[in-house]
Amino acid sequence: MSLLESDRRDVPRRLQPKLVALLHLPANQLPLTGDADPLPEHRVAAVLASLGYPGFAHLARTRKLNPAELLARTLRRPHVEARLAKALPWVLVHYANLDGR
């Protein structure tokens, strides 16, 4: 634990989401998955719900993604459904510090 706290050892990737949730850190502290494939529409909506977007509050929540990754993978889609496109500015407003600094 001391090595993690002193930045001499990286937090294992599988523990990062758990630590973000445990420490109540913002979602932009989540690690990027490294997957660049476009997200399916149902997954975009579920992740938006998990991030707190009110327009999808009725959906079951799923594992959160880093908002920067959500934006990039959604915009890689050849077509973004209007209800999803409408939610993307909300992500930028609520997670303005997407570079993690």
Protein backbone atom coordinates (compact mmCIF):
# COMPACT_ATOMS: atom_id res chain seq x y z
CA MET A 1 0.00 0.00 0.00
CA SER A 2 2.86 2.34 0.80
CA LEU A 3 4.32 1.83 -2.70
CA LEU A 4 0.96 2.70 -4.25
CA GLU A 5 0.57 5.82 -2.12
CA SER A 6 4.08 7.02 -2.93
CA ASP A 7 3.63 6.46 -6.69
CA ARG A 8 6.38 3.86 -6.78
CA ARG A 9 3.94 1.19 -7.93
CA ASP A 10 0.97 1.47 -10.27
CA VAL A 11 -2.47 0.47 -9.09
CA PRO A 12 -3.32 -2.85 -10.76
CA ARG A 13 -5.74 -2.26 -13.65
CA ARG A 14 -8.42 -4.56 -12.25
CA LEU A 15 -8.47 -2.62 -8.97
CA GLN A 16 -8.69 0.86 -10.49
CA PRO A 17 -12.51 0.91 -10.97
CA LYS A 18 -13.00 -0.42 -7.44
CA LEU A 19 -10.77 2.29 -5.97
CA VAL A 20 -12.54 5.00 -7.96
CA ALA A 21 -15.87 3.82 -6.54
CA LEU A 22 -14.55 3.29 -3.00
CA LEU A 23 -12.89 6.70 -2.82
CA HIS A 24 -15.83 8.43 -4.57
CA LEU A 25 -13.55 9.82 -7.27
CA PRO A 26 -15.05 11.31 -10.44
CA ALA A 27 -15.46 8.97 -13.39
CA ASN A 28 -12.77 10.80 -15.34
CA GLN A 29 -10.29 9.12 -12.97
CA LEU A 30 -11.25 5.71 -14.37
CA PRO A 31 -8.58 4.09 -16.53
CA LEU A 32 -9.07 3.97 -20.28
CA THR A 33 -9.75 0.44 -21.50
CA GLY A 34 -7.64 0.82 -24.63
CA ASP A 35 -10.54 -0.37 -26.77
CA ALA A 36 -11.21 2.02 -29.65
CA ASP A 37 -14.15 0.17 -31.18
CA PRO A 38 -17.40 2.13 -31.39
CA LEU A 39 -19.79 1.37 -28.55
CA PRO A 40 -23.18 -0.16 -29.35
CA GLU A 41 -26.05 2.29 -28.82
CA HIS A 42 -27.50 0.35 -25.89
CA ARG A 43 -24.11 0.41 -24.14
CA VAL A 44 -23.71 4.18 -24.70
CA ALA A 45 -27.12 4.79 -23.12
CA ALA A 46 -26.35 2.50 -20.15
CA VAL A 47 -22.98 4.16 -19.51
CA LEU A 48 -24.62 7.60 -19.69
CA ALA A 49 -27.13 6.40 -17.08
CA SER A 50 -24.28 5.17 -14.88
CA LEU A 51 -22.55 8.54 -15.16
CA GLY A 52 -25.74 10.25 -13.97
CA TYR A 53 -27.26 11.62 -17.18
CA PRO A 54 -30.88 12.35 -16.22
CA GLY A 55 -32.29 11.51 -19.66
CA PHE A 56 -31.40 7.85 -19.19
CA ALA A 57 -32.06 7.58 -15.44
CA HIS A 58 -34.69 4.92 -16.11
CA LEU A 59 -32.11 2.52 -17.59
CA ALA A 60 -30.26 -0.09 -15.61
CA ARG A 61 -26.82 1.10 -14.71
CA THR A 62 -23.73 -0.62 -16.02
CA ARG A 63 -20.01 -0.45 -15.38
CA LYS A 64 -18.86 3.14 -15.75
CA LEU A 65 -16.39 4.15 -18.43
CA ASN A 66 -14.06 7.10 -18.36
CA PRO A 67 -16.16 9.91 -19.93
CA ALA A 68 -13.36 10.71 -22.40
CA GLU A 69 -13.47 7.14 -23.67
CA LEU A 70 -17.26 7.22 -23.84
CA LEU A 71 -17.13 10.34 -26.02
CA ALA A 72 -14.40 9.01 -28.31
CA ARG A 73 -16.00 5.61 -28.81
CA THR A 74 -19.47 7.10 -29.35
CA LEU A 75 -18.18 9.56 -31.93
CA ARG A 76 -16.49 6.70 -33.82
CA ARG A 77 -19.93 5.37 -34.69
CA PRO A 78 -20.92 6.00 -38.33
CA HIS A 79 -24.27 7.30 -37.06
CA VAL A 80 -25.08 8.59 -33.58
CA GLU A 81 -28.74 8.39 -32.65
CA ALA A 82 -30.24 11.82 -31.82
CA ARG A 83 -31.01 10.99 -28.18
CA LEU A 84 -27.37 9.97 -27.65
CA ALA A 85 -25.98 12.99 -29.50
CA LYS A 86 -28.11 15.22 -27.28
CA ALA A 87 -26.45 13.73 -24.19
CA LEU A 88 -22.82 14.25 -25.27
CA PRO A 89 -22.66 17.97 -24.35
CA TRP A 90 -23.88 17.01 -20.87
CA VAL A 91 -20.83 14.76 -20.51
CA LEU A 92 -18.53 17.64 -21.47
CA VAL A 93 -20.18 19.99 -18.96
CA HIS A 94 -20.20 17.52 -16.07
CA TYR A 95 -16.75 16.10 -16.76
CA ALA A 96 -14.96 19.19 -18.06
CA ASN A 97 -11.57 18.03 -16.80
CA LEU A 98 -11.20 15.01 -19.07
CA ASP A 99 -7.42 15.04 -19.10
CA GLY A 100 -7.41 14.06 -15.40
CA ARG A 101 -5.51 17.09 -14.14
